[in-house]
Amino acid sequence: MTTLPASPAEIAALIPHQGRMNLLDAVLACSPQAITCRARGHGRADHPLRLDGTLPAPVGIEYAAQAMALHGALNARPGVRGRPGFLASARGVRLHVARLDDVAGDLHVQVDHLAGDERQALYRFALHDEGGRLLVDGRATVVLDTPLTP
């Protein structure tokens, strides 16, 4: 694996989420089994996923999905770009807070690769505040290389 991306621009070069929809700010750690990312923009008034002035806790699933995409890109075989995919399901999701915009400090997004093959990947995810308090957790399945028809 190469040097970990340390800025939103470096992350944007690896995942499809661009502009304000790129929610991750840096990678703190990455291995073939897991990735931990930092996010700082959850309190911004112009956050693209705000609803009625707040950032509801289920948005944590999108933070996790972006970390999963980044994990796949960083762990792709040498010379192979990360493969396109989409979030097919989220299971066992628990919301330990109602909203994320009022969480002080950084968010830490942890995803663990549990299983997968050439067509799909299963992850466990957890969002914590910078003090370690659990905010959102669950499991998600990502389906790879499947074209979506409009």
Protein backbone atom coordinates (compact mmCIF):
# COMPACT_ATOMS: atom_id res chain seq x y z
CA MET A 1 0.00 0.00 0.00
CA THR A 2 1.15 3.51 -0.73
CA THR A 3 1.11 6.56 1.52
CA LEU A 4 -2.28 7.13 3.11
CA PRO A 5 -4.30 10.08 1.79
CA ALA A 6 -4.10 12.96 4.25
CA SER A 7 -6.47 15.47 2.65
CA PRO A 8 -9.93 15.57 1.10
CA ALA A 9 -8.35 16.20 -2.33
CA GLU A 10 -6.21 13.06 -2.06
CA ILE A 11 -9.28 11.08 -0.97
CA ALA A 12 -11.38 12.51 -3.83
CA ALA A 13 -8.83 11.17 -6.31
CA LEU A 14 -9.68 7.65 -5.10
CA ILE A 15 -13.48 7.63 -4.62
CA PRO A 16 -16.45 8.78 -6.70
CA HIS A 17 -17.66 11.30 -4.07
CA GLN A 18 -16.59 14.77 -5.16
CA GLY A 19 -16.92 18.35 -3.99
CA ARG A 20 -18.92 18.86 -0.81
CA MET A 21 -20.15 15.23 -1.03
CA ASN A 22 -16.65 14.03 -0.21
CA LEU A 23 -17.25 13.78 3.55
CA LEU A 24 -13.90 12.35 4.67
CA ASP A 25 -10.92 14.53 5.58
CA ALA A 26 -8.09 12.04 6.19
CA VAL A 27 -7.20 8.39 6.67
CA LEU A 28 -5.85 7.67 10.14
CA ALA A 29 -5.06 3.98 9.59
CA CYS A 30 -5.59 1.36 6.90
CA SER A 31 -4.92 -2.36 6.51
CA PRO A 32 -6.40 -5.05 4.26
CA GLN A 33 -8.96 -5.72 7.01
CA ALA A 34 -9.96 -2.21 8.15
CA ILE A 35 -9.78 1.54 7.70
CA THR A 36 -10.24 4.44 10.10
CA CYS A 37 -10.98 7.90 8.70
CA ARG A 38 -11.47 11.36 10.16
CA ALA A 39 -14.29 13.71 9.22
CA ARG A 40 -14.63 17.31 10.33
CA GLY A 41 -17.43 18.92 8.31
CA HIS A 42 -20.44 17.44 10.12
CA GLY A 43 -21.15 20.72 11.92
CA ARG A 44 -21.03 22.93 8.81
CA ALA A 45 -24.23 24.81 8.05
CA ASP A 46 -23.73 24.02 4.34
CA HIS A 47 -23.28 20.24 4.81
CA PRO A 48 -24.86 18.67 1.70
CA LEU A 49 -26.87 16.10 3.68
CA ARG A 50 -28.47 18.46 6.21
CA LEU A 51 -32.21 18.08 6.59
CA ASP A 52 -34.29 20.86 8.13
CA GLY A 53 -31.19 22.46 9.58
CA THR A 54 -29.76 19.32 11.21
CA LEU A 55 -27.59 16.38 10.20
CA PRO A 56 -29.59 13.28 11.19
CA ALA A 57 -27.66 10.32 12.60
CA PRO A 58 -28.57 7.96 9.69
CA VAL A 59 -26.18 10.07 7.57
CA GLY A 60 -23.51 8.12 9.43
CA ILE A 61 -24.20 5.30 6.96
CA GLU A 62 -22.99 7.57 4.13
CA TYR A 63 -19.80 8.37 6.05
CA ALA A 64 -19.25 4.61 6.43
CA ALA A 65 -20.02 3.95 2.74
CA GLN A 66 -17.37 6.47 1.70
CA ALA A 67 -14.85 4.83 4.04
CA MET A 68 -15.71 1.45 2.46
CA ALA A 69 -15.12 2.87 -1.03
CA LEU A 70 -11.81 4.32 0.10
CA HIS A 71 -10.81 1.04 1.75
CA GLY A 72 -11.47 -0.80 -1.52
CA ALA A 73 -9.45 1.72 -3.52
CA LEU A 74 -6.49 1.65 -1.12
CA ASN A 75 -6.43 -2.15 -1.09
CA ALA A 76 -6.81 -2.70 -4.83
CA ARG A 77 -4.11 -4.74 -6.50
CA PRO A 78 -1.15 -2.67 -7.77
CA GLY A 79 -2.06 -0.94 -11.02
CA VAL A 80 -5.78 -1.60 -10.52
CA ARG A 81 -8.06 1.32 -9.71
CA GLY A 82 -10.77 0.79 -7.08
CA ARG A 83 -13.85 -0.87 -8.53
CA PRO A 84 -17.22 0.87 -8.73
CA GLY A 85 -19.87 -0.32 -6.32
CA PHE A 86 -23.03 0.65 -4.54
CA LEU A 87 -24.41 0.19 -1.06
CA ALA A 88 -26.89 -2.68 -1.40
CA SER A 89 -27.99 -2.99 2.23
CA ALA A 90 -27.43 -1.71 5.73
CA ARG A 91 -28.35 -4.09 8.55
CA GLY A 92 -28.37 -3.98 12.31
CA VAL A 93 -27.92 -0.21 12.26
CA ARG A 94 -28.07 1.35 15.70
CA LEU A 95 -28.34 5.09 16.18
CA HIS A 96 -26.91 6.06 19.56
CA VAL A 97 -27.56 9.77 18.95
CA ALA A 98 -30.30 11.57 17.04
CA ARG A 99 -28.03 13.87 15.08
CA LEU A 100 -24.40 14.38 14.11
CA ASP A 101 -24.16 18.15 13.59
CA ASP A 102 -24.03 18.84 17.32
CA VAL A 103 -21.22 16.35 18.00
CA ALA A 104 -18.17 18.30 19.20
CA GLY A 105 -14.82 17.62 17.56
CA ASP A 106 -13.97 15.18 14.80
CA LEU A 107 -15.87 12.08 13.77
CA HIS A 108 -13.91 8.84 13.52
CA VAL A 109 -15.26 6.42 10.94
CA GLN A 110 -14.13 2.80 11.38
CA VAL A 111 -15.01 0.07 8.88
CA ASP A 112 -13.94 -3.56 9.14
CA HIS A 113 -14.02 -5.85 6.10
CA LEU A 114 -15.76 -9.03 7.28
CA ALA A 115 -16.10 -11.04 4.05
CA GLY A 116 -16.38 -10.71 0.32
CA ASP A 117 -15.50 -11.90 -3.13
CA GLU A 118 -15.16 -10.38 -6.61
CA ARG A 119 -18.82 -9.29 -6.60
CA GLN A 120 -19.51 -8.03 -3.09
CA ALA A 121 -18.05 -7.00 0.25
CA LEU A 122 -19.51 -7.14 3.75
CA TYR A 123 -18.38 -4.54 6.28
CA ARG A 124 -19.05 -3.69 9.92
CA PHE A 125 -18.95 0.05 10.62
CA ALA A 126 -18.91 2.38 13.59
CA LEU A 127 -18.80 6.16 13.96
CA HIS A 128 -17.38 7.58 17.17
CA ASP A 129 -16.75 11.09 18.41
CA GLU A 130 -13.14 12.00 19.11
CA GLY A 131 -13.58 10.95 22.74
CA GLY A 132 -14.60 7.43 21.67
CA ARG A 133 -18.36 7.71 22.28
CA LEU A 134 -20.24 5.41 19.88
CA LEU A 135 -22.63 7.37 17.64
CA VAL A 136 -23.77 4.97 14.88
CA ASP A 137 -22.92 1.35 14.08
CA GLY A 138 -24.08 -1.52 11.90
CA ARG A 139 -23.19 -3.72 8.93
CA ALA A 140 -23.34 -2.97 5.22
CA THR A 141 -23.08 -4.90 1.98
CA VAL A 142 -21.47 -3.33 -1.07
CA VAL A 143 -22.13 -4.81 -4.52
CA LEU A 144 -19.22 -4.31 -6.93
CA ASP A 145 -19.08 -3.77 -10.71
CA THR A 146 -22.85 -3.80 -11.12
CA PRO A 147 -24.17 -1.18 -13.54
CA LEU A 148 -27.14 0.77 -12.26
CA THR A 149 -29.77 1.56 -14.86
CA PRO A 150 -31.46 4.95 -14.62
